[in-house]
């Protein structure tokens, strides 16, 4: 039994080393998976900040504008040319229209993590399509 367990562990460690070396030396820095992971980390950090009082489970619909104002670009919404946050009523109205266009679904006034993550990632990464060879091509919009 000991030999079986040790063999299984050693095999998994060997595979882990191979995968880590492949990621280190053969995967480009600007690949979609790393971009997605970085955007997810930004989203998650902002989600925790905004939903802390609800135990990070859900947020109220009225918090969406503040949520998108909190996140940096590209996950967050429109920032002025001088990198200051949206301040005027007209800019906030434009932000609300953009949020409405995303089609975020709510349940009795609550928005959950997975729904908002899906809509944000679709807004940011939605202009990519996989062709038959599984290569990423950018669609012209």
C-alpha atoms as a PDB file:
ATOM      1  CA  UNK A   1       0.000   0.000   0.000  1.00  0.00           C
ATOM      2  CA  UNK A   2       2.844   2.366   0.869  1.00  0.00           C
ATOM      3  CA  UNK A   3       4.489   1.829  -2.521  1.00  0.00           C
ATOM      4  CA  UNK A   4       1.209   2.521  -4.360  1.00  0.00           C
ATOM      5  CA  UNK A   5       0.624   5.787  -2.484  1.00  0.00           C
ATOM      6  CA  UNK A   6       4.210   6.993  -2.964  1.00  0.00           C
ATOM      7  CA  UNK A   7       4.133   6.080  -6.665  1.00  0.00           C
ATOM      8  CA  UNK A   8       0.905   8.034  -7.129  1.00  0.00           C
ATOM      9  CA  UNK A   9       2.317  11.089  -5.333  1.00  0.00           C
ATOM     10  CA  UNK A  10       5.589  11.010  -7.264  1.00  0.00           C
ATOM     11  CA  UNK A  11       3.760  10.707 -10.586  1.00  0.00           C
ATOM     12  CA  UNK A  12       1.603  13.730  -9.741  1.00  0.00           C
ATOM     13  CA  UNK A  13       4.654  15.752  -8.702  1.00  0.00           C
ATOM     14  CA  UNK A  14       6.430  14.836 -11.929  1.00  0.00           C
ATOM     15  CA  UNK A  15       3.440  15.966 -14.001  1.00  0.00           C
ATOM     16  CA  UNK A  16       3.206  19.193 -11.975  1.00  0.00           C
ATOM     17  CA  UNK A  17       6.860  20.044 -12.703  1.00  0.00           C
ATOM     18  CA  UNK A  18       6.359  19.458 -16.425  1.00  0.00           C
ATOM     19  CA  UNK A  19       3.256  21.677 -16.538  1.00  0.00           C
ATOM     20  CA  UNK A  20       4.954  24.469 -14.573  1.00  0.00           C
ATOM     21  CA  UNK A  21       7.988  24.410 -16.867  1.00  0.00           C
ATOM     22  CA  UNK A  22       5.728  24.527 -19.912  1.00  0.00           C
ATOM     23  CA  UNK A  23       3.850  27.536 -18.527  1.00  0.00           C
ATOM     24  CA  UNK A  24       7.088  29.314 -17.643  1.00  0.00           C
ATOM     25  CA  UNK A  25       8.891  28.889 -20.951  1.00  0.00           C
ATOM     26  CA  UNK A  26       6.298  28.294 -23.667  1.00  0.00           C
ATOM     27  CA  UNK A  27       3.168  30.282 -22.817  1.00  0.00           C
ATOM     28  CA  UNK A  28       3.116  33.905 -23.957  1.00  0.00           C
ATOM     29  CA  UNK A  29       2.583  36.681 -21.429  1.00  0.00           C
ATOM     30  CA  UNK A  30      -0.400  38.154 -23.304  1.00  0.00           C
ATOM     31  CA  UNK A  31      -2.354  34.926 -23.715  1.00  0.00           C
ATOM     32  CA  UNK A  32      -6.105  34.993 -23.048  1.00  0.00           C
ATOM     33  CA  UNK A  33      -5.954  32.723 -20.023  1.00  0.00           C
ATOM     34  CA  UNK A  34      -3.543  35.000 -18.142  1.00  0.00           C
ATOM     35  CA  UNK A  35      -5.577  38.052 -19.155  1.00  0.00           C
ATOM     36  CA  UNK A  36      -8.757  36.368 -17.943  1.00  0.00           C
ATOM     37  CA  UNK A  37      -7.101  35.357 -14.665  1.00  0.00           C
ATOM     38  CA  UNK A  38      -5.861  38.907 -14.064  1.00  0.00           C
ATOM     39  CA  UNK A  39      -9.304  40.339 -14.782  1.00  0.00           C
ATOM     40  CA  UNK A  40     -10.889  37.755 -12.494  1.00  0.00           C
ATOM     41  CA  UNK A  41      -8.572  38.793  -9.649  1.00  0.00           C
ATOM     42  CA  UNK A  42      -9.543  42.457 -10.112  1.00  0.00           C
ATOM     43  CA  UNK A  43     -13.231  41.521 -10.200  1.00  0.00           C
ATOM     44  CA  UNK A  44     -12.977  39.311  -7.127  1.00  0.00           C
ATOM     45  CA  UNK A  45     -11.141  41.967  -5.101  1.00  0.00           C
ATOM     46  CA  UNK A  46     -13.769  44.574  -5.935  1.00  0.00           C
ATOM     47  CA  UNK A  47     -16.602  42.114  -5.258  1.00  0.00           C
ATOM     48  CA  UNK A  48     -15.250  41.402  -1.774  1.00  0.00           C
ATOM     49  CA  UNK A  49     -14.985  45.141  -1.043  1.00  0.00           C
ATOM     50  CA  UNK A  50     -18.524  45.937  -2.155  1.00  0.00           C
ATOM     51  CA  UNK A  51     -20.316  42.862  -0.769  1.00  0.00           C
ATOM     52  CA  UNK A  52     -18.542  42.516   2.561  1.00  0.00           C
ATOM     53  CA  UNK A  53     -21.661  43.414   4.562  1.00  0.00           C
ATOM     54  CA  UNK A  54     -23.606  40.627   2.782  1.00  0.00           C
ATOM     55  CA  UNK A  55     -20.903  38.022   3.504  1.00  0.00           C
ATOM     56  CA  UNK A  56     -19.632  38.272  -0.101  1.00  0.00           C
ATOM     57  CA  UNK A  57     -22.623  36.319  -1.393  1.00  0.00           C
ATOM     58  CA  UNK A  58     -24.716  38.943  -3.139  1.00  0.00           C
ATOM     59  CA  UNK A  59     -25.157  42.654  -3.768  1.00  0.00           C
ATOM     60  CA  UNK A  60     -28.123  44.932  -4.229  1.00  0.00           C
ATOM     61  CA  UNK A  61     -28.911  46.212  -7.724  1.00  0.00           C
ATOM     62  CA  UNK A  62     -28.399  49.800  -6.644  1.00  0.00           C
ATOM     63  CA  UNK A  63     -24.750  49.020  -5.809  1.00  0.00           C
ATOM     64  CA  UNK A  64     -23.866  48.222  -9.437  1.00  0.00           C
ATOM     65  CA  UNK A  65     -22.863  51.764 -10.345  1.00  0.00           C
ATOM     66  CA  UNK A  66     -20.523  51.982  -7.367  1.00  0.00           C
ATOM     67  CA  UNK A  67     -19.167  48.526  -8.179  1.00  0.00           C
ATOM     68  CA  UNK A  68     -18.241  49.508 -11.743  1.00  0.00           C
ATOM     69  CA  UNK A  69     -16.850  52.842 -10.597  1.00  0.00           C
ATOM     70  CA  UNK A  70     -14.626  50.991  -8.124  1.00  0.00           C
ATOM     71  CA  UNK A  71     -13.065  48.625 -10.663  1.00  0.00           C
ATOM     72  CA  UNK A  72     -10.211  49.768 -12.900  1.00  0.00           C
ATOM     73  CA  UNK A  73     -10.339  49.555 -16.681  1.00  0.00           C
ATOM     74  CA  UNK A  74     -10.956  47.200 -18.563  1.00  0.00           C
ATOM     75  CA  UNK A  75     -13.299  45.519 -16.068  1.00  0.00           C
ATOM     76  CA  UNK A  76     -14.644  48.807 -14.751  1.00  0.00           C
ATOM     77  CA  UNK A  77     -16.594  51.293 -16.769  1.00  0.00           C
ATOM     78  CA  UNK A  78     -15.720  54.533 -18.486  1.00  0.00           C
ATOM     79  CA  UNK A  79     -12.985  56.698 -16.996  1.00  0.00           C
ATOM     80  CA  UNK A  80     -12.360  60.279 -18.032  1.00  0.00           C
ATOM     81  CA  UNK A  81      -9.283  61.200 -20.058  1.00  0.00           C
ATOM     82  CA  UNK A  82      -7.372  62.428 -16.996  1.00  0.00           C
ATOM     83  CA  UNK A  83      -8.013  59.101 -15.170  1.00  0.00           C
ATOM     84  CA  UNK A  84     -10.387  60.582 -12.628  1.00  0.00           C
ATOM     85  CA  UNK A  85     -13.501  58.669 -11.737  1.00  0.00           C
ATOM     86  CA  UNK A  86     -16.944  59.480 -13.096  1.00  0.00           C
ATOM     87  CA  UNK A  87     -18.383  62.393 -11.142  1.00  0.00           C
ATOM     88  CA  UNK A  88     -21.090  64.295 -13.028  1.00  0.00           C
ATOM     89  CA  UNK A  89     -24.744  63.260 -13.214  1.00  0.00           C
ATOM     90  CA  UNK A  90     -24.572  62.925 -17.005  1.00  0.00           C
ATOM     91  CA  UNK A  91     -21.622  60.551 -16.742  1.00  0.00           C
ATOM     92  CA  UNK A  92     -23.390  58.514 -14.070  1.00  0.00           C
ATOM     93  CA  UNK A  93     -26.472  58.290 -16.326  1.00  0.00           C
ATOM     94  CA  UNK A  94     -24.260  57.008 -19.170  1.00  0.00           C
ATOM     95  CA  UNK A  95     -22.764  54.442 -16.811  1.00  0.00           C
ATOM     96  CA  UNK A  96     -26.257  53.306 -15.796  1.00  0.00           C
ATOM     97  CA  UNK A  97     -27.188  52.891 -19.470  1.00  0.00           C
ATOM     98  CA  UNK A  98     -24.054  50.809 -20.071  1.00  0.00           C
ATOM     99  CA  UNK A  99     -24.878  48.608 -17.074  1.00  0.00           C
ATOM    100  CA  UNK A 100     -28.436  48.192 -18.321  1.00  0.00           C
ATOM    101  CA  UNK A 101     -27.162  47.121 -21.769  1.00  0.00           C
ATOM    102  CA  UNK A 102     -25.153  44.334 -20.128  1.00  0.00           C
ATOM    103  CA  UNK A 103     -28.413  42.520 -19.300  1.00  0.00           C
ATOM    104  CA  UNK A 104     -27.481  41.598 -15.749  1.00  0.00           C
ATOM    105  CA  UNK A 105     -30.172  39.389 -14.229  1.00  0.00           C
ATOM    106  CA  UNK A 106     -31.269  39.899 -10.671  1.00  0.00           C
ATOM    107  CA  UNK A 107     -33.363  37.867  -8.297  1.00  0.00           C
ATOM    108  CA  UNK A 108     -35.666  40.010  -6.181  1.00  0.00           C
ATOM    109  CA  UNK A 109     -33.235  42.930  -6.328  1.00  0.00           C
ATOM    110  CA  UNK A 110     -30.114  40.860  -5.589  1.00  0.00           C
ATOM    111  CA  UNK A 111     -27.232  40.140  -7.965  1.00  0.00           C
ATOM    112  CA  UNK A 112     -25.024  37.129  -7.403  1.00  0.00           C
ATOM    113  CA  UNK A 113     -21.312  36.627  -8.068  1.00  0.00           C
ATOM    114  CA  UNK A 114     -21.524  34.214 -10.998  1.00  0.00           C
ATOM    115  CA  UNK A 115     -24.067  36.274 -12.928  1.00  0.00           C
ATOM    116  CA  UNK A 116     -22.113  39.499 -12.599  1.00  0.00           C
ATOM    117  CA  UNK A 117     -18.781  37.799 -13.353  1.00  0.00           C
ATOM    118  CA  UNK A 118     -20.233  36.239 -16.509  1.00  0.00           C
ATOM    119  CA  UNK A 119     -21.662  39.556 -17.724  1.00  0.00           C
ATOM    120  CA  UNK A 120     -18.452  41.477 -16.984  1.00  0.00           C
ATOM    121  CA  UNK A 121     -16.213  38.928 -18.686  1.00  0.00           C
ATOM    122  CA  UNK A 122     -18.553  38.777 -21.653  1.00  0.00           C
ATOM    123  CA  UNK A 123     -18.427  42.567 -21.960  1.00  0.00           C
ATOM    124  CA  UNK A 124     -14.608  42.622 -21.794  1.00  0.00           C
ATOM    125  CA  UNK A 125     -13.728  39.392 -23.650  1.00  0.00           C
ATOM    126  CA  UNK A 126     -16.873  38.976 -25.757  1.00  0.00           C
ATOM    127  CA  UNK A 127     -15.257  40.102 -29.006  1.00  0.00           C
ATOM    128  CA  UNK A 128     -13.213  36.898 -29.319  1.00  0.00           C
ATOM    129  CA  UNK A 129     -14.335  33.762 -31.115  1.00  0.00           C
ATOM    130  CA  UNK A 130     -12.747  30.340 -31.418  1.00  0.00           C
ATOM    131  CA  UNK A 131     -12.477  29.026 -34.963  1.00  0.00           C
ATOM    132  CA  UNK A 132     -12.252  25.372 -36.016  1.00  0.00           C
ATOM    133  CA  UNK A 133      -8.519  25.193 -35.281  1.00  0.00           C
ATOM    134  CA  UNK A 134      -9.158  26.548 -31.749  1.00  0.00           C
ATOM    135  CA  UNK A 135      -7.155  29.685 -32.423  1.00  0.00           C
ATOM    136  CA  UNK A 136      -8.394  32.980 -31.100  1.00  0.00           C
ATOM    137  CA  UNK A 137      -9.337  35.542 -33.706  1.00  0.00           C
ATOM    138  CA  UNK A 138     -10.631  39.006 -33.017  1.00  0.00           C
ATOM    139  CA  UNK A 139     -13.930  39.920 -34.591  1.00  0.00           C
ATOM    140  CA  UNK A 140     -14.198  43.286 -36.244  1.00  0.00           C
ATOM    141  CA  UNK A 141     -16.908  45.389 -34.632  1.00  0.00           C
END
